[in-house]
Amino acid sequence: MTLKDRWVHFRIRDVYYPDAEKLLSDLHGDDLLQGRVLDVSDDGAARAAFAVVEVEGLAQPVIVPSTRVLGVL
């Protein structure tokens, strides 16, 4: 079977792409995530502060600049 000009299915983890971070950003860069803040680099008021956020479905927490937090529930 020839694959050229055919639609195929594959997992993101199986993609070989020189800049995997760009691939994910292009695909899902505007998706919103929600999570619980586990820790902050300071009181969160400083422009350079970061939040460590636990997101359901992700194995590891993510680090987000506090200035990029869009809302608090």
C-alpha atoms as a PDB file:
ATOM      1  CA  MET A   1       0.000   0.000   0.000  1.00  0.00           C
ATOM      2  CA  THR A   2       1.300   3.456  -0.822  1.00  0.00           C
ATOM      3  CA  LEU A   3       0.890   6.177   1.798  1.00  0.00           C
ATOM      4  CA  LYS A   4       1.386   9.192  -0.424  1.00  0.00           C
ATOM      5  CA  ASP A   5      -1.753  11.400  -0.580  1.00  0.00           C
ATOM      6  CA  ARG A   6      -3.524   9.230   2.038  1.00  0.00           C
ATOM      7  CA  TRP A   7      -4.904  10.321   5.421  1.00  0.00           C
ATOM      8  CA  VAL A   8      -3.310   8.457   8.342  1.00  0.00           C
ATOM      9  CA  HIS A   9      -3.619   8.285  12.160  1.00  0.00           C
ATOM     10  CA  PHE A  10      -0.713   8.440  14.592  1.00  0.00           C
ATOM     11  CA  ARG A  11       0.108   9.433  18.165  1.00  0.00           C
ATOM     12  CA  ILE A  12       1.707  12.795  18.935  1.00  0.00           C
ATOM     13  CA  ARG A  13       4.397  10.986  20.944  1.00  0.00           C
ATOM     14  CA  ASP A  14       5.475   9.128  17.805  1.00  0.00           C
ATOM     15  CA  VAL A  15       6.130  12.281  15.795  1.00  0.00           C
ATOM     16  CA  TYR A  16       9.690  13.087  14.840  1.00  0.00           C
ATOM     17  CA  TYR A  17       9.842  16.844  14.453  1.00  0.00           C
ATOM     18  CA  PRO A  18      12.962  18.940  15.068  1.00  0.00           C
ATOM     19  CA  ASP A  19      11.057  21.342  17.347  1.00  0.00           C
ATOM     20  CA  ALA A  20       8.433  19.301  19.220  1.00  0.00           C
ATOM     21  CA  GLU A  21       7.546  22.282  21.420  1.00  0.00           C
ATOM     22  CA  LYS A  22       6.595  24.288  18.314  1.00  0.00           C
ATOM     23  CA  LEU A  23       4.453  21.392  17.061  1.00  0.00           C
ATOM     24  CA  LEU A  24       2.465  21.320  20.300  1.00  0.00           C
ATOM     25  CA  SER A  25       2.192  25.084  20.323  1.00  0.00           C
ATOM     26  CA  ASP A  26       0.900  25.116  16.746  1.00  0.00           C
ATOM     27  CA  LEU A  27      -1.656  22.386  17.507  1.00  0.00           C
ATOM     28  CA  HIS A  28      -2.821  23.410  20.973  1.00  0.00           C
ATOM     29  CA  GLY A  29      -1.211  26.746  21.832  1.00  0.00           C
ATOM     30  CA  ASP A  30      -4.529  28.512  22.356  1.00  0.00           C
ATOM     31  CA  ASP A  31      -6.202  25.736  24.384  1.00  0.00           C
ATOM     32  CA  LEU A  32      -7.004  26.705  27.982  1.00  0.00           C
ATOM     33  CA  LEU A  33      -5.887  24.541  30.890  1.00  0.00           C
ATOM     34  CA  GLN A  34      -7.157  24.610  34.444  1.00  0.00           C
ATOM     35  CA  GLY A  35      -5.303  23.433  37.496  1.00  0.00           C
ATOM     36  CA  ARG A  36      -4.514  23.880  41.171  1.00  0.00           C
ATOM     37  CA  VAL A  37      -1.547  26.018  42.212  1.00  0.00           C
ATOM     38  CA  LEU A  38       0.848  23.921  44.284  1.00  0.00           C
ATOM     39  CA  ASP A  39       3.451  26.605  44.909  1.00  0.00           C
ATOM     40  CA  VAL A  40       4.575  30.080  43.806  1.00  0.00           C
ATOM     41  CA  SER A  41       8.078  31.495  43.454  1.00  0.00           C
ATOM     42  CA  ASP A  42       7.076  34.379  45.770  1.00  0.00           C
ATOM     43  CA  ASP A  43       3.766  35.909  46.868  1.00  0.00           C
ATOM     44  CA  GLY A  44       2.665  36.046  43.221  1.00  0.00           C
ATOM     45  CA  ALA A  45       2.613  39.833  43.098  1.00  0.00           C
ATOM     46  CA  ALA A  46       6.012  40.295  41.450  1.00  0.00           C
ATOM     47  CA  ARG A  47       6.103  40.396  37.648  1.00  0.00           C
ATOM     48  CA  ALA A  48       8.770  37.673  37.673  1.00  0.00           C
ATOM     49  CA  ALA A  49       6.726  35.284  39.826  1.00  0.00           C
ATOM     50  CA  PHE A  50       5.896  31.790  38.614  1.00  0.00           C
ATOM     51  CA  ALA A  51       3.187  29.367  39.700  1.00  0.00           C
ATOM     52  CA  VAL A  52       3.629  25.588  39.837  1.00  0.00           C
ATOM     53  CA  VAL A  53       0.277  24.201  38.689  1.00  0.00           C
ATOM     54  CA  GLU A  54      -1.087  20.648  38.915  1.00  0.00           C
ATOM     55  CA  VAL A  55      -3.251  19.905  35.863  1.00  0.00           C
ATOM     56  CA  GLU A  56      -5.495  16.832  35.818  1.00  0.00           C
ATOM     57  CA  GLY A  57      -4.325  14.436  33.112  1.00  0.00           C
ATOM     58  CA  LEU A  58      -0.697  15.592  33.124  1.00  0.00           C
ATOM     59  CA  ALA A  59       1.917  13.486  34.879  1.00  0.00           C
ATOM     60  CA  GLN A  60       3.955  16.473  36.050  1.00  0.00           C
ATOM     61  CA  PRO A  61       3.013  19.948  37.234  1.00  0.00           C
ATOM     62  CA  VAL A  62       3.588  22.832  34.828  1.00  0.00           C
ATOM     63  CA  ILE A  63       5.237  26.177  35.536  1.00  0.00           C
ATOM     64  CA  VAL A  64       3.331  29.272  34.453  1.00  0.00           C
ATOM     65  CA  PRO A  65       4.364  32.927  34.757  1.00  0.00           C
ATOM     66  CA  SER A  66       1.937  34.533  37.195  1.00  0.00           C
ATOM     67  CA  THR A  67       1.317  37.343  34.692  1.00  0.00           C
ATOM     68  CA  ARG A  68      -0.121  34.750  32.258  1.00  0.00           C
ATOM     69  CA  VAL A  69      -2.775  33.420  34.667  1.00  0.00           C
ATOM     70  CA  LEU A  70      -6.083  34.416  33.053  1.00  0.00           C
ATOM     71  CA  GLY A  71      -8.389  33.909  36.010  1.00  0.00           C
ATOM     72  CA  VAL A  72      -8.768  32.501  39.494  1.00  0.00           C
ATOM     73  CA  LEU A  73     -11.645  30.253  40.520  1.00  0.00           C
END
